[in-house]
Amino acid sequence: MITRAINKFLSISMALVLVLVAGGCKKKDAVPPPPQKTAAPKAAPVQKALSSSAAKQAAGSPQLDFRTKKDPFKPFIVASPKTPQGVGKRRGVGLLPIQNYDLNQFKVIGIVAGLKENRAMIVDPAGKGYVVKQGMLIGKNDGHVTRIMPGWIEVQEQFRDDSGKLLRRTVKLTLPRKE
């Protein structure tokens, strides 16, 4: 009996909530009246614009001369023009360890002939090994590995001699013969 009374009370309260919600959701569309057209007032004639700088010059105020001032947008460090590769390169700055020795001091200890490109293993005088491929830099005179063949490596150096003349030299580093 109590459950019936509770169910009846819940159903009546639900119906009352639905009626209140549905009654408050009515949309009232009020149509605004059409705007009235009014004549625009006549504009006064436009006065000729005068430059403020011309007025200051006429008044005798001091002129600023910016020709002697420093340009704030000019960089502090002026980039030097690029020199050809291998010519005048600074020593010790950003160089790989493989670029600190002369080419004649390297020993070729192995060459791997691959399907795409050949690679070679070389050892510097300190005993450290490097794997080089075509296009890599090697040696003090900014040499480029130009070819790697099954028996030797070809390196092309470009440097300036004592008189300042640009010289190119091709050096072959050979693989020692098996005994």
C-alpha atoms as a PDB file:
ATOM      1  CA  MET A   1       0.000   0.000   0.000  1.00  0.00           C
ATOM      2  CA  ILE A   2       2.797   2.379   0.800  1.00  0.00           C
ATOM      3  CA  THR A   3       4.520   1.660  -2.517  1.00  0.00           C
ATOM      4  CA  ARG A   4       1.306   2.525  -4.376  1.00  0.00           C
ATOM      5  CA  ALA A   5       1.115   5.856  -2.586  1.00  0.00           C
ATOM      6  CA  ILE A   6       4.756   6.606  -3.390  1.00  0.00           C
ATOM      7  CA  ASN A   7       4.267   5.676  -7.089  1.00  0.00           C
ATOM      8  CA  LYS A   8       1.137   7.877  -7.299  1.00  0.00           C
ATOM      9  CA  PHE A   9       2.949  10.805  -5.677  1.00  0.00           C
ATOM     10  CA  LEU A  10       5.927  10.445  -8.067  1.00  0.00           C
ATOM     11  CA  SER A  11       3.711  10.290 -11.153  1.00  0.00           C
ATOM     12  CA  ILE A  12       1.761  13.408 -10.101  1.00  0.00           C
ATOM     13  CA  SER A  13       4.956  15.350  -9.346  1.00  0.00           C
ATOM     14  CA  MET A  14       6.466  14.330 -12.720  1.00  0.00           C
ATOM     15  CA  ALA A  15       3.371  15.502 -14.555  1.00  0.00           C
ATOM     16  CA  LEU A  16       3.477  18.820 -12.691  1.00  0.00           C
ATOM     17  CA  VAL A  17       7.174  19.329 -13.578  1.00  0.00           C
ATOM     18  CA  LEU A  18       6.459  18.582 -17.261  1.00  0.00           C
ATOM     19  CA  VAL A  19       3.609  21.120 -17.337  1.00  0.00           C
ATOM     20  CA  LEU A  20       5.774  23.805 -15.754  1.00  0.00           C
ATOM     21  CA  VAL A  21       8.703  23.149 -18.093  1.00  0.00           C
ATOM     22  CA  ALA A  22       6.511  23.081 -21.204  1.00  0.00           C
ATOM     23  CA  GLY A  23       4.786  26.302 -20.194  1.00  0.00           C
ATOM     24  CA  GLY A  24       8.066  28.183 -19.703  1.00  0.00           C
ATOM     25  CA  CYS A  25       9.507  27.183 -23.096  1.00  0.00           C
ATOM     26  CA  LYS A  26       7.210  29.240 -25.270  1.00  0.00           C
ATOM     27  CA  LYS A  27       9.060  31.395 -27.737  1.00  0.00           C
ATOM     28  CA  LYS A  28       7.683  34.866 -28.099  1.00  0.00           C
ATOM     29  CA  ASP A  29       8.558  36.431 -31.441  1.00  0.00           C
ATOM     30  CA  ALA A  30       8.158  40.142 -31.357  1.00  0.00           C
ATOM     31  CA  VAL A  31       8.475  41.735 -34.761  1.00  0.00           C
ATOM     32  CA  PRO A  32      10.447  44.958 -34.491  1.00  0.00           C
ATOM     33  CA  PRO A  33       8.928  47.950 -36.241  1.00  0.00           C
ATOM     34  CA  PRO A  34      10.524  48.838 -39.588  1.00  0.00           C
ATOM     35  CA  PRO A  35      13.259  51.444 -39.308  1.00  0.00           C
ATOM     36  CA  GLN A  36      12.247  54.933 -40.243  1.00  0.00           C
ATOM     37  CA  LYS A  37      14.190  56.606 -42.972  1.00  0.00           C
ATOM     38  CA  THR A  38      15.509  60.003 -42.041  1.00  0.00           C
ATOM     39  CA  ALA A  39      17.416  62.387 -44.200  1.00  0.00           C
ATOM     40  CA  ALA A  40      21.098  62.596 -43.362  1.00  0.00           C
ATOM     41  CA  PRO A  41      22.202  66.028 -42.233  1.00  0.00           C
ATOM     42  CA  LYS A  42      24.344  67.857 -44.730  1.00  0.00           C
ATOM     43  CA  ALA A  43      28.035  67.430 -43.962  1.00  0.00           C
ATOM     44  CA  ALA A  44      30.165  70.489 -43.562  1.00  0.00           C
ATOM     45  CA  PRO A  45      32.809  70.944 -46.266  1.00  0.00           C
ATOM     46  CA  VAL A  46      36.015  69.019 -45.495  1.00  0.00           C
ATOM     47  CA  GLN A  47      38.915  71.188 -44.421  1.00  0.00           C
ATOM     48  CA  LYS A  48      42.174  70.737 -46.280  1.00  0.00           C
ATOM     49  CA  ALA A  49      44.599  68.630 -44.178  1.00  0.00           C
ATOM     50  CA  LEU A  50      47.800  70.365 -43.219  1.00  0.00           C
ATOM     51  CA  SER A  51      50.977  68.469 -42.478  1.00  0.00           C
ATOM     52  CA  SER A  52      52.188  68.850 -38.916  1.00  0.00           C
ATOM     53  CA  SER A  53      55.810  68.896 -40.068  1.00  0.00           C
ATOM     54  CA  ALA A  54      55.133  71.836 -42.376  1.00  0.00           C
ATOM     55  CA  ALA A  55      53.573  73.723 -39.479  1.00  0.00           C
ATOM     56  CA  LYS A  56      56.618  73.035 -37.273  1.00  0.00           C
ATOM     57  CA  GLN A  57      59.011  74.189 -39.976  1.00  0.00           C
ATOM     58  CA  ALA A  58      57.048  77.375 -40.364  1.00  0.00           C
ATOM     59  CA  ALA A  59      57.078  77.935 -36.606  1.00  0.00           C
ATOM     60  CA  GLY A  60      60.884  77.691 -36.532  1.00  0.00           C
ATOM     61  CA  SER A  61      61.170  74.597 -34.335  1.00  0.00           C
ATOM     62  CA  PRO A  62      64.522  72.742 -34.504  1.00  0.00           C
ATOM     63  CA  GLN A  63      64.815  70.006 -37.170  1.00  0.00           C
ATOM     64  CA  LEU A  64      66.153  66.567 -36.274  1.00  0.00           C
ATOM     65  CA  ASP A  65      68.867  65.272 -38.568  1.00  0.00           C
ATOM     66  CA  PHE A  66      68.983  61.450 -38.577  1.00  0.00           C
ATOM     67  CA  ARG A  67      71.793  61.168 -41.125  1.00  0.00           C
ATOM     68  CA  THR A  68      74.373  61.167 -38.348  1.00  0.00           C
ATOM     69  CA  LYS A  69      72.526  58.630 -36.171  1.00  0.00           C
ATOM     70  CA  LYS A  70      73.262  54.898 -36.162  1.00  0.00           C
ATOM     71  CA  ASP A  71      70.772  52.662 -37.972  1.00  0.00           C
ATOM     72  CA  PRO A  72      69.030  50.547 -35.270  1.00  0.00           C
ATOM     73  CA  PHE A  73      68.191  47.799 -37.763  1.00  0.00           C
ATOM     74  CA  LYS A  74      71.721  47.266 -39.041  1.00  0.00           C
ATOM     75  CA  PRO A  75      73.340  44.071 -37.652  1.00  0.00           C
ATOM     76  CA  PHE A  76      76.231  44.405 -35.225  1.00  0.00           C
ATOM     77  CA  ILE A  77      78.288  41.727 -36.964  1.00  0.00           C
ATOM     78  CA  VAL A  78      78.859  42.128 -40.670  1.00  0.00           C
ATOM     79  CA  ALA A  79      78.981  38.793 -42.476  1.00  0.00           C
ATOM     80  CA  SER A  80      82.127  38.367 -44.508  1.00  0.00           C
ATOM     81  CA  PRO A  81      81.780  37.069 -48.055  1.00  0.00           C
ATOM     82  CA  LYS A  82      82.203  33.323 -48.400  1.00  0.00           C
ATOM     83  CA  THR A  83      85.537  32.087 -49.624  1.00  0.00           C
ATOM     84  CA  PRO A  84      85.784  29.031 -51.851  1.00  0.00           C
ATOM     85  CA  GLN A  85      85.799  25.791 -49.925  1.00  0.00           C
ATOM     86  CA  GLY A  86      89.249  24.777 -48.806  1.00  0.00           C
ATOM     87  CA  VAL A  87      90.629  28.294 -49.128  1.00  0.00           C
ATOM     88  CA  GLY A  88      91.368  30.275 -45.997  1.00  0.00           C
ATOM     89  CA  LYS A  89      89.419  28.038 -43.657  1.00  0.00           C
ATOM     90  CA  ARG A  90      90.049  28.785 -40.003  1.00  0.00           C
ATOM     91  CA  ARG A  91      92.058  26.104 -38.273  1.00  0.00           C
ATOM     92  CA  GLY A  92      90.750  24.459 -35.137  1.00  0.00           C
ATOM     93  CA  VAL A  93      87.218  25.882 -35.247  1.00  0.00           C
ATOM     94  CA  GLY A  94      84.497  23.335 -36.007  1.00  0.00           C
ATOM     95  CA  LEU A  95      86.870  20.787 -37.507  1.00  0.00           C
ATOM     96  CA  LEU A  96      86.533  17.054 -37.204  1.00  0.00           C
ATOM     97  CA  PRO A  97      89.448  15.093 -35.710  1.00  0.00           C
ATOM     98  CA  ILE A  98      89.994  13.511 -39.135  1.00  0.00           C
ATOM     99  CA  GLN A  99      90.897  16.979 -40.465  1.00  0.00           C
ATOM    100  CA  ASN A 100      93.818  17.524 -38.071  1.00  0.00           C
ATOM    101  CA  TYR A 101      96.347  15.261 -39.827  1.00  0.00           C
ATOM    102  CA  ASP A 102      98.126  15.362 -43.164  1.00  0.00           C
ATOM    103  CA  LEU A 103      96.870  12.903 -45.788  1.00  0.00           C
ATOM    104  CA  ASN A 104     100.168  11.028 -45.921  1.00  0.00           C
ATOM    105  CA  GLN A 105      99.832  10.085 -42.247  1.00  0.00           C
ATOM    106  CA  PHE A 106      96.641   8.027 -42.750  1.00  0.00           C
ATOM    107  CA  LYS A 107      96.707   4.255 -43.385  1.00  0.00           C
ATOM    108  CA  VAL A 108      93.978   2.447 -45.295  1.00  0.00           C
ATOM    109  CA  ILE A 109      93.189  -0.801 -43.492  1.00  0.00           C
ATOM    110  CA  GLY A 110      90.074  -1.924 -45.329  1.00  0.00           C
ATOM    111  CA  ILE A 111      87.650  -1.174 -48.149  1.00  0.00           C
ATOM    112  CA  VAL A 112      84.070  -2.396 -48.312  1.00  0.00           C
ATOM    113  CA  ALA A 113      82.579  -2.481 -51.797  1.00  0.00           C
ATOM    114  CA  GLY A 114      78.846  -2.166 -51.248  1.00  0.00           C
ATOM    115  CA  LEU A 115      75.878  -2.279 -53.573  1.00  0.00           C
ATOM    116  CA  LYS A 116      75.132   1.461 -53.333  1.00  0.00           C
ATOM    117  CA  GLU A 117      78.459   3.026 -52.427  1.00  0.00           C
ATOM    118  CA  ASN A 118      81.898   1.940 -51.318  1.00  0.00           C
ATOM    119  CA  ARG A 119      83.303   2.759 -47.883  1.00  0.00           C
ATOM    120  CA  ALA A 120      86.808   2.622 -46.529  1.00  0.00           C
ATOM    121  CA  MET A 121      88.336   2.218 -43.076  1.00  0.00           C
ATOM    122  CA  ILE A 122      91.325   4.447 -42.356  1.00  0.00           C
ATOM    123  CA  VAL A 123      93.465   4.913 -39.239  1.00  0.00           C
ATOM    124  CA  ASP A 124      95.075   8.188 -38.129  1.00  0.00           C
ATOM    125  CA  PRO A 125      98.567   8.373 -36.531  1.00  0.00           C
ATOM    126  CA  ALA A 126      97.010   8.233 -33.056  1.00  0.00           C
ATOM    127  CA  GLY A 127      95.467   4.837 -33.884  1.00  0.00           C
ATOM    128  CA  LYS A 128      91.854   5.995 -34.116  1.00  0.00           C
ATOM    129  CA  GLY A 129      89.858   4.464 -36.957  1.00  0.00           C
ATOM    130  CA  TYR A 130      87.377   6.232 -39.242  1.00  0.00           C
ATOM    131  CA  VAL A 131      84.939   4.976 -41.847  1.00  0.00           C
ATOM    132  CA  VAL A 132      84.904   7.324 -44.832  1.00  0.00           C
ATOM    133  CA  LYS A 133      82.682   7.514 -47.881  1.00  0.00           C
ATOM    134  CA  GLN A 134      82.694   9.572 -51.032  1.00  0.00           C
ATOM    135  CA  GLY A 135      82.333  13.335 -50.417  1.00  0.00           C
ATOM    136  CA  MET A 136      83.689  13.365 -46.843  1.00  0.00           C
ATOM    137  CA  LEU A 137      86.349  15.865 -45.711  1.00  0.00           C
ATOM    138  CA  ILE A 138      89.725  14.486 -44.714  1.00  0.00           C
ATOM    139  CA  GLY A 139      93.160  15.975 -44.025  1.00  0.00           C
ATOM    140  CA  LYS A 140      94.579  19.379 -43.104  1.00  0.00           C
ATOM    141  CA  ASN A 141      94.160  20.849 -46.577  1.00  0.00           C
ATOM    142  CA  ASP A 142      90.386  20.245 -46.700  1.00  0.00           C
ATOM    143  CA  GLY A 143      90.608  17.213 -48.954  1.00  0.00           C
ATOM    144  CA  HIS A 144      87.464  15.595 -50.318  1.00  0.00           C
ATOM    145  CA  VAL A 145      87.188  11.867 -50.878  1.00  0.00           C
ATOM    146  CA  THR A 146      86.376  11.737 -54.594  1.00  0.00           C
ATOM    147  CA  ARG A 147      86.459   7.975 -55.290  1.00  0.00           C
ATOM    148  CA  ILE A 148      86.772   4.742 -53.383  1.00  0.00           C
ATOM    149  CA  MET A 149      87.929   1.822 -55.488  1.00  0.00           C
ATOM    150  CA  PRO A 150      88.618  -1.783 -54.356  1.00  0.00           C
ATOM    151  CA  GLY A 151      92.380  -1.112 -53.996  1.00  0.00           C
ATOM    152  CA  TRP A 152      92.690   2.613 -53.214  1.00  0.00           C
ATOM    153  CA  ILE A 153      91.037   5.873 -52.109  1.00  0.00           C
ATOM    154  CA  GLU A 154      91.326   9.052 -54.158  1.00  0.00           C
ATOM    155  CA  VAL A 155      91.345  12.356 -52.259  1.00  0.00           C
ATOM    156  CA  GLN A 156      91.453  15.782 -53.903  1.00  0.00           C
ATOM    157  CA  GLU A 157      92.979  18.650 -51.915  1.00  0.00           C
ATOM    158  CA  GLN A 158      92.650  22.351 -52.630  1.00  0.00           C
ATOM    159  CA  PHE A 159      95.004  24.745 -50.865  1.00  0.00           C
ATOM    160  CA  ARG A 160      97.081  27.909 -51.267  1.00  0.00           C
ATOM    161  CA  ASP A 161     100.861  27.752 -51.465  1.00  0.00           C
ATOM    162  CA  ASP A 162     103.289  30.293 -49.966  1.00  0.00           C
ATOM    163  CA  SER A 163     102.845  32.730 -52.846  1.00  0.00           C
ATOM    164  CA  GLY A 164      99.035  32.645 -52.452  1.00  0.00           C
ATOM    165  CA  LYS A 165      98.379  30.644 -55.611  1.00  0.00           C
ATOM    166  CA  LEU A 166      95.485  28.175 -55.430  1.00  0.00           C
ATOM    167  CA  LEU A 167      96.689  24.601 -55.997  1.00  0.00           C
ATOM    168  CA  ARG A 168      94.799  21.348 -56.425  1.00  0.00           C
ATOM    169  CA  ARG A 169      96.360  17.987 -55.759  1.00  0.00           C
ATOM    170  CA  THR A 170      95.013  14.456 -56.032  1.00  0.00           C
ATOM    171  CA  VAL A 171      96.359  11.938 -53.524  1.00  0.00           C
ATOM    172  CA  LYS A 172      95.825   8.173 -53.690  1.00  0.00           C
ATOM    173  CA  LEU A 173      95.828   6.264 -50.436  1.00  0.00           C
ATOM    174  CA  THR A 174      96.391   2.597 -51.272  1.00  0.00           C
ATOM    175  CA  LEU A 175      95.382  -0.520 -49.442  1.00  0.00           C
ATOM    176  CA  PRO A 176      98.467  -2.555 -48.455  1.00  0.00           C
ATOM    177  CA  ARG A 177      98.914  -5.857 -50.287  1.00  0.00           C
ATOM    178  CA  LYS A 178      98.312  -9.107 -48.478  1.00  0.00           C
ATOM    179  CA  GLU A 179     101.466 -11.121 -47.829  1.00  0.00           C
END
